[in-house]
Amino acid sequence: MSKTEKRSLALAALIYAATLIYSFVVNFPDRAMNTRFNMTFVAILCPLIVPVLFKLFKWKPISEIFIINLIFCYFASLIGSCLGGYSVPYFDKVVHFGFGFCGIEIAYLLYMILKRSSKLDSIQEWHIFLVFVNAVNTAIAVYWEFYEYAMLIFFNNDAINHYTSGVHDTITDMLVCVAGGLVVTGFLISAKRSGKDNFFTRLPQKFYDLNLAHRNG
């Protein structure tokens, strides 16, 4: 990482840590009756998932991925679950829409890892790739609903009122996540047609060049 990247990541981590401490302080007095206090412990663990995965697979850190991870966890876990963000109308829909952006990029990385190449060799493979990344994004949306249900069962955290909104909330969450993924798909198609990379194509390529290219020859 460059010095600028390290500073940006450190700033993001500092903001996250400061907000986490604030959440502990605010929720501590009512900790016995307030599930938000319990969710602060989840907010500690969530940002660690991506760095741990990088460590396990011995990948070189990518500052953009780490920062995006912190930003998403900040809003989805810390603000949403610990500080009442999900009580704000449509907050959860914005979070799910934003995760659609991340889901496509995760699927893009997964495709390169499985193929052991960053190149799409034919127009037929390009079409398969588009189906793959959107299918994986949709699967992630489903697993996220599983996560929310687990939070409800194990932590009694019904911040998004799943009991009252039921199927409607689950379906609309997945719909906006898929919609976010389709927006990124549009950027991928635009890059393919114009021959000019954008952020959504450069980030996976950077990951491949740093972590997979030398392994795959």
C-alpha atoms as a PDB file:
ATOM      1  CA  MET A   1       0.000   0.000   0.000  1.00  0.00           C
ATOM      2  CA  SER A   2       1.077   3.559  -0.649  1.00  0.00           C
ATOM      3  CA  LYS A   3       1.280   6.089   2.191  1.00  0.00           C
ATOM      4  CA  THR A   4      -1.936   7.728   0.992  1.00  0.00           C
ATOM      5  CA  GLU A   5      -3.745   4.398   0.965  1.00  0.00           C
ATOM      6  CA  LYS A   6      -2.467   3.550   4.451  1.00  0.00           C
ATOM      7  CA  ARG A   7      -3.590   6.927   5.773  1.00  0.00           C
ATOM      8  CA  SER A   8      -7.029   6.572   4.190  1.00  0.00           C
ATOM      9  CA  LEU A   9      -7.441   3.104   5.686  1.00  0.00           C
ATOM     10  CA  ALA A  10      -6.233   4.320   9.087  1.00  0.00           C
ATOM     11  CA  LEU A  11      -8.722   7.211   8.975  1.00  0.00           C
ATOM     12  CA  ALA A  12     -11.578   4.854   8.093  1.00  0.00           C
ATOM     13  CA  ALA A  13     -10.575   2.519  10.941  1.00  0.00           C
ATOM     14  CA  LEU A  14     -10.339   5.443  13.363  1.00  0.00           C
ATOM     15  CA  ILE A  15     -13.823   6.684  12.478  1.00  0.00           C
ATOM     16  CA  TYR A  16     -15.183   3.162  12.861  1.00  0.00           C
ATOM     17  CA  ALA A  17     -13.488   2.685  16.251  1.00  0.00           C
ATOM     18  CA  ALA A  18     -14.678   6.075  17.547  1.00  0.00           C
ATOM     19  CA  THR A  19     -18.279   5.355  16.523  1.00  0.00           C
ATOM     20  CA  LEU A  20     -18.051   1.887  18.059  1.00  0.00           C
ATOM     21  CA  ILE A  21     -16.934   3.360  21.396  1.00  0.00           C
ATOM     22  CA  TYR A  22     -19.751   5.900  21.187  1.00  0.00           C
ATOM     23  CA  SER A  23     -22.211   3.051  20.603  1.00  0.00           C
ATOM     24  CA  PHE A  24     -20.954   1.219  23.701  1.00  0.00           C
ATOM     25  CA  VAL A  25     -21.314   4.359  25.813  1.00  0.00           C
ATOM     26  CA  VAL A  26     -24.804   5.183  24.537  1.00  0.00           C
ATOM     27  CA  ASN A  27     -26.173   1.660  24.869  1.00  0.00           C
ATOM     28  CA  PHE A  28     -24.429   0.607  28.090  1.00  0.00           C
ATOM     29  CA  PRO A  29     -26.932   2.146  30.576  1.00  0.00           C
ATOM     30  CA  ASP A  30     -29.818   0.096  29.119  1.00  0.00           C
ATOM     31  CA  ARG A  31     -27.743  -2.969  28.266  1.00  0.00           C
ATOM     32  CA  ALA A  32     -30.032  -5.393  30.111  1.00  0.00           C
ATOM     33  CA  MET A  33     -33.078  -4.450  28.028  1.00  0.00           C
ATOM     34  CA  ASN A  34     -31.397  -3.092  24.910  1.00  0.00           C
ATOM     35  CA  THR A  35     -30.363  -5.557  22.181  1.00  0.00           C
ATOM     36  CA  ARG A  36     -28.366  -2.787  20.498  1.00  0.00           C
ATOM     37  CA  PHE A  37     -25.706  -3.227  23.170  1.00  0.00           C
ATOM     38  CA  ASN A  38     -25.304  -6.898  22.202  1.00  0.00           C
ATOM     39  CA  MET A  39     -25.017  -5.926  18.549  1.00  0.00           C
ATOM     40  CA  THR A  40     -21.967  -3.798  19.304  1.00  0.00           C
ATOM     41  CA  PHE A  41     -20.055  -7.047  19.831  1.00  0.00           C
ATOM     42  CA  VAL A  42     -21.183  -8.178  16.380  1.00  0.00           C
ATOM     43  CA  ALA A  43     -19.999  -4.806  15.041  1.00  0.00           C
ATOM     44  CA  ILE A  44     -16.536  -5.596  16.429  1.00  0.00           C
ATOM     45  CA  LEU A  45     -16.355  -8.897  14.551  1.00  0.00           C
ATOM     46  CA  CYS A  46     -17.880  -7.904  11.200  1.00  0.00           C
ATOM     47  CA  PRO A  47     -15.002  -5.725   9.916  1.00  0.00           C
ATOM     48  CA  LEU A  48     -12.520  -8.482  10.760  1.00  0.00           C
ATOM     49  CA  ILE A  49     -13.992 -11.024   8.323  1.00  0.00           C
ATOM     50  CA  VAL A  50     -12.320  -9.627   5.193  1.00  0.00           C
ATOM     51  CA  PRO A  51      -8.843  -9.122   6.763  1.00  0.00           C
ATOM     52  CA  VAL A  52      -8.992 -12.634   8.242  1.00  0.00           C
ATOM     53  CA  LEU A  53      -9.842 -14.092   4.817  1.00  0.00           C
ATOM     54  CA  PHE A  54      -6.907 -12.233   3.273  1.00  0.00           C
ATOM     55  CA  LYS A  55      -4.666 -13.575   6.027  1.00  0.00           C
ATOM     56  CA  LEU A  56      -5.885 -17.156   5.653  1.00  0.00           C
ATOM     57  CA  PHE A  57      -5.347 -17.190   1.896  1.00  0.00           C
ATOM     58  CA  LYS A  58      -2.100 -15.204   2.191  1.00  0.00           C
ATOM     59  CA  TRP A  59      -3.370 -12.473  -0.135  1.00  0.00           C
ATOM     60  CA  LYS A  60      -1.711  -9.078  -0.245  1.00  0.00           C
ATOM     61  CA  PRO A  61      -3.995  -6.415   1.249  1.00  0.00           C
ATOM     62  CA  ILE A  62      -5.935  -4.175  -1.124  1.00  0.00           C
ATOM     63  CA  SER A  63      -6.642  -0.800   0.481  1.00  0.00           C
ATOM     64  CA  GLU A  64      -9.803  -0.185  -1.567  1.00  0.00           C
ATOM     65  CA  ILE A  65     -11.306  -3.518  -0.511  1.00  0.00           C
ATOM     66  CA  PHE A  66     -10.481  -2.940   3.162  1.00  0.00           C
ATOM     67  CA  ILE A  67     -11.936   0.574   3.089  1.00  0.00           C
ATOM     68  CA  ILE A  68     -15.119  -0.573   1.325  1.00  0.00           C
ATOM     69  CA  ASN A  69     -15.427  -3.341   3.912  1.00  0.00           C
ATOM     70  CA  LEU A  70     -15.192  -0.814   6.751  1.00  0.00           C
ATOM     71  CA  ILE A  71     -17.689   1.540   5.123  1.00  0.00           C
ATOM     72  CA  PHE A  72     -20.226  -1.215   4.568  1.00  0.00           C
ATOM     73  CA  CYS A  73     -19.848  -2.595   8.112  1.00  0.00           C
ATOM     74  CA  TYR A  74     -20.086   0.958   9.448  1.00  0.00           C
ATOM     75  CA  PHE A  75     -23.533   1.493   7.995  1.00  0.00           C
ATOM     76  CA  ALA A  76     -24.912  -2.062   7.949  1.00  0.00           C
ATOM     77  CA  SER A  77     -23.765  -3.193  11.392  1.00  0.00           C
ATOM     78  CA  LEU A  78     -22.665  -0.212  13.466  1.00  0.00           C
ATOM     79  CA  ILE A  79     -25.102   2.519  12.421  1.00  0.00           C
ATOM     80  CA  GLY A  80     -27.928   0.176  11.445  1.00  0.00           C
ATOM     81  CA  SER A  81     -27.952  -2.351  14.282  1.00  0.00           C
ATOM     82  CA  CYS A  82     -26.204  -0.499  17.113  1.00  0.00           C
ATOM     83  CA  LEU A  83     -27.402   3.081  16.691  1.00  0.00           C
ATOM     84  CA  GLY A  84     -30.925   2.598  15.389  1.00  0.00           C
ATOM     85  CA  GLY A  85     -30.313   3.256  11.726  1.00  0.00           C
ATOM     86  CA  TYR A  86     -32.751   0.568  10.652  1.00  0.00           C
ATOM     87  CA  SER A  87     -35.564   2.476  12.320  1.00  0.00           C
ATOM     88  CA  VAL A  88     -35.096   5.208   9.697  1.00  0.00           C
ATOM     89  CA  PRO A  89     -37.432   4.600   6.717  1.00  0.00           C
ATOM     90  CA  TYR A  90     -35.673   2.949   3.750  1.00  0.00           C
ATOM     91  CA  PHE A  91     -32.289   2.895   5.499  1.00  0.00           C
ATOM     92  CA  ASP A  92     -32.097  -0.877   5.137  1.00  0.00           C
ATOM     93  CA  LYS A  93     -33.054  -0.653   1.458  1.00  0.00           C
ATOM     94  CA  VAL A  94     -30.162   1.742   0.809  1.00  0.00           C
ATOM     95  CA  VAL A  95     -27.795  -0.656   2.605  1.00  0.00           C
ATOM     96  CA  HIS A  96     -29.010  -3.631   0.555  1.00  0.00           C
ATOM     97  CA  PHE A  97     -28.765  -1.617  -2.666  1.00  0.00           C
ATOM     98  CA  GLY A  98     -25.191  -0.677  -1.791  1.00  0.00           C
ATOM     99  CA  PHE A  99     -24.327  -4.269  -1.039  1.00  0.00           C
ATOM    100  CA  GLY A 100     -25.420  -5.152  -4.567  1.00  0.00           C
ATOM    101  CA  PHE A 101     -22.373  -3.163  -5.718  1.00  0.00           C
ATOM    102  CA  CYS A 102     -20.140  -5.192  -3.405  1.00  0.00           C
ATOM    103  CA  GLY A 103     -21.796  -8.487  -4.346  1.00  0.00           C
ATOM    104  CA  ILE A 104     -20.939  -8.157  -8.028  1.00  0.00           C
ATOM    105  CA  GLU A 105     -17.328  -7.334  -7.203  1.00  0.00           C
ATOM    106  CA  ILE A 106     -17.103 -10.321  -4.860  1.00  0.00           C
ATOM    107  CA  ALA A 107     -18.503 -12.527  -7.637  1.00  0.00           C
ATOM    108  CA  TYR A 108     -15.988 -11.000 -10.097  1.00  0.00           C
ATOM    109  CA  LEU A 109     -13.124 -11.931  -7.766  1.00  0.00           C
ATOM    110  CA  LEU A 110     -14.548 -15.414  -7.260  1.00  0.00           C
ATOM    111  CA  TYR A 111     -14.767 -15.959 -11.020  1.00  0.00           C
ATOM    112  CA  MET A 112     -11.101 -15.064 -11.474  1.00  0.00           C
ATOM    113  CA  ILE A 113     -10.062 -17.268  -8.548  1.00  0.00           C
ATOM    114  CA  LEU A 114     -11.965 -20.258  -9.928  1.00  0.00           C
ATOM    115  CA  LYS A 115     -10.786 -19.732 -13.495  1.00  0.00           C
ATOM    116  CA  ARG A 116      -7.250 -18.787 -12.465  1.00  0.00           C
ATOM    117  CA  SER A 117      -7.260 -16.046 -15.052  1.00  0.00           C
ATOM    118  CA  SER A 118      -8.474 -12.469 -15.372  1.00  0.00           C
ATOM    119  CA  LYS A 119      -9.272 -12.757 -19.080  1.00  0.00           C
ATOM    120  CA  LEU A 120     -12.580 -13.620 -20.716  1.00  0.00           C
ATOM    121  CA  ASP A 121     -11.598 -15.584 -23.796  1.00  0.00           C
ATOM    122  CA  SER A 122     -14.744 -15.330 -25.915  1.00  0.00           C
ATOM    123  CA  ILE A 123     -18.086 -13.579 -26.241  1.00  0.00           C
ATOM    124  CA  GLN A 124     -19.731 -16.784 -25.009  1.00  0.00           C
ATOM    125  CA  GLU A 125     -17.644 -16.718 -21.835  1.00  0.00           C
ATOM    126  CA  TRP A 126     -18.457 -13.022 -21.392  1.00  0.00           C
ATOM    127  CA  HIS A 127     -22.162 -13.903 -21.346  1.00  0.00           C
ATOM    128  CA  ILE A 128     -21.545 -16.762 -18.907  1.00  0.00           C
ATOM    129  CA  PHE A 129     -19.550 -14.355 -16.728  1.00  0.00           C
ATOM    130  CA  LEU A 130     -22.437 -11.855 -16.595  1.00  0.00           C
ATOM    131  CA  VAL A 131     -24.869 -14.596 -15.589  1.00  0.00           C
ATOM    132  CA  PHE A 132     -22.411 -15.911 -12.991  1.00  0.00           C
ATOM    133  CA  VAL A 133     -21.741 -12.597 -11.220  1.00  0.00           C
ATOM    134  CA  ASN A 134     -25.441 -11.750 -11.009  1.00  0.00           C
ATOM    135  CA  ALA A 135     -26.347 -15.258  -9.819  1.00  0.00           C
ATOM    136  CA  VAL A 136     -23.700 -15.057  -7.082  1.00  0.00           C
ATOM    137  CA  ASN A 137     -24.898 -11.586  -6.084  1.00  0.00           C
ATOM    138  CA  THR A 138     -28.446 -12.918  -5.784  1.00  0.00           C
ATOM    139  CA  ALA A 139     -27.196 -15.845  -3.693  1.00  0.00           C
ATOM    140  CA  ILE A 140     -25.378 -13.413  -1.398  1.00  0.00           C
ATOM    141  CA  ALA A 141     -28.621 -11.463  -0.990  1.00  0.00           C
ATOM    142  CA  VAL A 142     -30.302 -14.681   0.154  1.00  0.00           C
ATOM    143  CA  TYR A 143     -27.509 -15.488   2.610  1.00  0.00           C
ATOM    144  CA  TRP A 144     -27.734 -11.955   3.988  1.00  0.00           C
ATOM    145  CA  GLU A 145     -31.388 -12.613   4.790  1.00  0.00           C
ATOM    146  CA  PHE A 146     -30.255 -15.775   6.564  1.00  0.00           C
ATOM    147  CA  TYR A 147     -27.849 -13.602   8.581  1.00  0.00           C
ATOM    148  CA  GLU A 148     -30.612 -11.167   9.527  1.00  0.00           C
ATOM    149  CA  TYR A 149     -32.796 -14.068  10.589  1.00  0.00           C
ATOM    150  CA  ALA A 150     -29.931 -15.453  12.694  1.00  0.00           C
ATOM    151  CA  MET A 151     -29.573 -12.061  14.392  1.00  0.00           C
ATOM    152  CA  LEU A 152     -33.276 -12.214  15.195  1.00  0.00           C
ATOM    153  CA  ILE A 153     -33.122 -15.749  16.600  1.00  0.00           C
ATOM    154  CA  PHE A 154     -29.827 -15.636  18.496  1.00  0.00           C
ATOM    155  CA  PHE A 155     -29.646 -11.965  19.530  1.00  0.00           C
ATOM    156  CA  ASN A 156     -33.349 -11.053  19.552  1.00  0.00           C
ATOM    157  CA  ASN A 157     -32.464  -8.212  17.196  1.00  0.00           C
ATOM    158  CA  ASP A 158     -35.570  -7.434  15.156  1.00  0.00           C
ATOM    159  CA  ALA A 159     -34.410  -3.960  14.169  1.00  0.00           C
ATOM    160  CA  ILE A 160     -35.990  -4.190  10.721  1.00  0.00           C
ATOM    161  CA  ASN A 161     -39.274  -5.619  12.009  1.00  0.00           C
ATOM    162  CA  HIS A 162     -39.100  -8.961  10.229  1.00  0.00           C
ATOM    163  CA  TYR A 163     -41.934 -10.293  12.346  1.00  0.00           C
ATOM    164  CA  THR A 164     -44.288  -7.536  11.233  1.00  0.00           C
ATOM    165  CA  SER A 165     -43.117  -6.969   7.659  1.00  0.00           C
ATOM    166  CA  GLY A 166     -42.336 -10.619   6.939  1.00  0.00           C
ATOM    167  CA  VAL A 167     -42.024 -11.745   3.342  1.00  0.00           C
ATOM    168  CA  HIS A 168     -42.443  -8.228   1.947  1.00  0.00           C
ATOM    169  CA  ASP A 169     -39.293  -7.000   3.706  1.00  0.00           C
ATOM    170  CA  THR A 170     -37.272 -10.065   2.686  1.00  0.00           C
ATOM    171  CA  ILE A 171     -38.270  -9.860  -0.978  1.00  0.00           C
ATOM    172  CA  THR A 172     -37.748  -6.098  -1.286  1.00  0.00           C
ATOM    173  CA  ASP A 173     -34.332  -6.413   0.371  1.00  0.00           C
ATOM    174  CA  MET A 174     -33.281  -8.980  -2.222  1.00  0.00           C
ATOM    175  CA  LEU A 175     -34.800  -6.950  -5.057  1.00  0.00           C
ATOM    176  CA  VAL A 176     -32.822  -3.799  -4.246  1.00  0.00           C
ATOM    177  CA  CYS A 177     -29.635  -5.853  -3.817  1.00  0.00           C
ATOM    178  CA  VAL A 178     -30.165  -7.368  -7.269  1.00  0.00           C
ATOM    179  CA  ALA A 179     -30.906  -3.882  -8.627  1.00  0.00           C
ATOM    180  CA  GLY A 180     -27.623  -2.579  -7.214  1.00  0.00           C
ATOM    181  CA  GLY A 181     -25.849  -5.493  -8.867  1.00  0.00           C
ATOM    182  CA  LEU A 182     -27.463  -4.674 -12.201  1.00  0.00           C
ATOM    183  CA  VAL A 183     -26.142  -1.104 -11.959  1.00  0.00           C
ATOM    184  CA  VAL A 184     -22.589  -2.447 -11.576  1.00  0.00           C
ATOM    185  CA  THR A 185     -23.262  -4.895 -14.412  1.00  0.00           C
ATOM    186  CA  GLY A 186     -24.038  -1.851 -16.546  1.00  0.00           C
ATOM    187  CA  PHE A 187     -20.606  -0.413 -15.716  1.00  0.00           C
ATOM    188  CA  LEU A 188     -18.953  -3.732 -16.602  1.00  0.00           C
ATOM    189  CA  ILE A 189     -20.758  -3.818 -19.955  1.00  0.00           C
ATOM    190  CA  SER A 190     -19.822  -0.184 -20.594  1.00  0.00           C
ATOM    191  CA  ALA A 191     -16.143  -0.950 -19.924  1.00  0.00           C
ATOM    192  CA  LYS A 192     -16.296  -3.959 -22.230  1.00  0.00           C
ATOM    193  CA  ARG A 193     -17.832  -2.008 -25.095  1.00  0.00           C
ATOM    194  CA  SER A 194     -15.660   1.101 -24.745  1.00  0.00           C
ATOM    195  CA  GLY A 195     -12.421  -0.705 -23.956  1.00  0.00           C
ATOM    196  CA  LYS A 196     -11.883   1.711 -21.066  1.00  0.00           C
ATOM    197  CA  ASP A 197     -11.610   0.357 -17.531  1.00  0.00           C
ATOM    198  CA  ASN A 198     -13.518   1.896 -14.645  1.00  0.00           C
ATOM    199  CA  PHE A 199     -13.374   1.369 -10.890  1.00  0.00           C
ATOM    200  CA  PHE A 200     -15.455  -1.818 -11.062  1.00  0.00           C
ATOM    201  CA  THR A 201     -13.075  -3.453 -13.519  1.00  0.00           C
ATOM    202  CA  ARG A 202      -9.812  -2.023 -12.171  1.00  0.00           C
ATOM    203  CA  LEU A 203     -10.366  -3.250  -8.605  1.00  0.00           C
ATOM    204  CA  PRO A 204     -10.702  -6.977  -9.481  1.00  0.00           C
ATOM    205  CA  GLN A 205      -7.773  -6.679 -11.910  1.00  0.00           C
ATOM    206  CA  LYS A 206      -5.625  -5.107  -9.172  1.00  0.00           C
ATOM    207  CA  PHE A 207      -6.513  -7.967  -6.846  1.00  0.00           C
ATOM    208  CA  TYR A 208      -5.626 -10.521  -9.526  1.00  0.00           C
ATOM    209  CA  ASP A 209      -2.330  -8.869 -10.434  1.00  0.00           C
ATOM    210  CA  LEU A 210      -1.186  -8.691  -6.801  1.00  0.00           C
ATOM    211  CA  ASN A 211      -2.392 -12.037  -5.553  1.00  0.00           C
ATOM    212  CA  LEU A 212      -3.137 -14.511  -8.331  1.00  0.00           C
ATOM    213  CA  ALA A 213      -1.136 -13.709 -11.457  1.00  0.00           C
ATOM    214  CA  HIS A 214       2.153 -15.158 -10.145  1.00  0.00           C
ATOM    215  CA  ARG A 215       0.416 -18.290  -8.861  1.00  0.00           C
ATOM    216  CA  ASN A 216      -1.322 -18.961 -12.131  1.00  0.00           C
ATOM    217  CA  GLY A 217       1.660 -18.271 -14.307  1.00  0.00           C
END
